């Protein structure tokens, strides 16, 4: 059996992110039993290729978490967000 793993180098980074969005991402990572870093890498790599990173079941889970944590911003808001 061929080993299809890819060696990479990871770096620690400090990223500021909207509080409720972070809660949903943490819940999603926990739901899939993966790290936040792995989740974000997967989302970004899919986005770079114009692919959706989530299937219907995961999207339903995300919607449940959005409601649970009161996340009411969307992609349409992405360039309009400001901090107090």
Protein backbone atom coordinates (compact mmCIF):
# COMPACT_ATOMS: atom_id res chain seq x y z
CA UNK A 1 0.00 0.00 0.00
CA UNK A 2 1.46 3.35 -1.05
CA UNK A 3 1.79 6.08 1.57
CA UNK A 4 -0.09 9.13 0.26
CA UNK A 5 0.75 11.47 3.13
CA UNK A 6 2.41 14.80 2.30
CA UNK A 7 5.09 16.33 4.49
CA UNK A 8 4.53 20.00 5.25
CA UNK A 9 5.86 22.65 7.61
CA UNK A 10 3.35 24.35 9.91
CA UNK A 11 3.84 27.67 11.70
CA UNK A 12 2.10 29.18 14.71
CA UNK A 13 0.04 32.26 13.87
CA UNK A 14 -2.12 34.72 15.71
CA UNK A 15 -5.34 35.42 13.86
CA UNK A 16 -8.17 37.68 15.01
CA UNK A 17 -11.61 36.33 14.15
CA UNK A 18 -15.22 37.17 14.99
CA UNK A 19 -16.14 35.58 18.33
CA UNK A 20 -19.32 33.72 17.30
CA UNK A 21 -17.72 32.50 14.08
CA UNK A 22 -14.88 31.03 16.14
CA UNK A 23 -17.37 29.20 18.36
CA UNK A 24 -19.01 27.62 15.31
CA UNK A 25 -15.61 26.63 13.88
CA UNK A 26 -14.54 25.07 17.18
CA UNK A 27 -17.80 23.10 17.34
CA UNK A 28 -17.28 21.95 13.75
CA UNK A 29 -13.70 20.82 14.44
CA UNK A 30 -14.85 18.95 17.55
CA UNK A 31 -17.72 17.38 15.60
CA UNK A 32 -15.22 15.99 13.06
CA UNK A 33 -12.63 15.21 15.75
CA UNK A 34 -9.93 17.29 14.05
CA UNK A 35 -7.87 20.28 15.11
CA UNK A 36 -8.82 23.85 14.27
CA UNK A 37 -5.70 24.06 12.10
CA UNK A 38 -6.71 20.97 10.11
CA UNK A 39 -10.23 22.34 9.70
CA UNK A 40 -9.03 25.73 8.46
CA UNK A 41 -6.48 24.17 6.11
CA UNK A 42 -9.19 22.00 4.59
CA UNK A 43 -11.62 24.90 4.18
CA UNK A 44 -9.00 27.12 2.54
CA UNK A 45 -7.64 24.43 0.22
CA UNK A 46 -11.18 23.66 -0.98
CA UNK A 47 -11.93 27.38 -1.44
CA UNK A 48 -8.72 27.88 -3.47
CA UNK A 49 -10.01 25.25 -5.91
CA UNK A 50 -13.55 26.66 -6.00
CA UNK A 51 -14.94 23.59 -4.23
CA UNK A 52 -17.31 23.39 -1.28
CA UNK A 53 -15.58 21.83 1.73
CA UNK A 54 -18.85 20.60 3.25
CA UNK A 55 -21.54 18.10 2.34
CA UNK A 56 -25.23 18.34 3.23
CA UNK A 57 -24.89 16.72 6.68
CA UNK A 58 -22.08 19.06 7.72
CA UNK A 59 -23.93 22.10 6.37
CA UNK A 60 -26.95 21.11 8.48
CA UNK A 61 -24.69 20.82 11.55
CA UNK A 62 -23.17 24.23 10.79
CA UNK A 63 -26.64 25.78 10.55
CA UNK A 64 -27.56 24.28 13.92
CA UNK A 65 -24.37 25.72 15.46
CA UNK A 66 -24.96 29.12 13.81
CA UNK A 67 -28.36 29.27 15.48
CA UNK A 68 -27.05 27.95 18.82
CA UNK A 69 -24.28 30.58 18.97
CA UNK A 70 -26.28 33.42 17.40
CA UNK A 71 -24.00 33.76 14.37
CA UNK A 72 -26.01 36.09 12.15
CA UNK A 73 -23.33 37.36 9.76
CA UNK A 74 -22.89 35.86 6.31
CA UNK A 75 -20.54 35.93 3.34
CA UNK A 76 -22.38 39.06 2.15
CA UNK A 77 -21.11 40.81 5.31
CA UNK A 78 -17.49 39.73 4.90
CA UNK A 79 -16.14 43.08 3.64
CA UNK A 80 -18.37 45.20 5.89
CA UNK A 81 -17.30 43.97 9.35
CA UNK A 82 -15.96 46.56 11.79
CA UNK A 83 -15.00 46.37 15.46
CA UNK A 84 -16.16 48.65 18.25
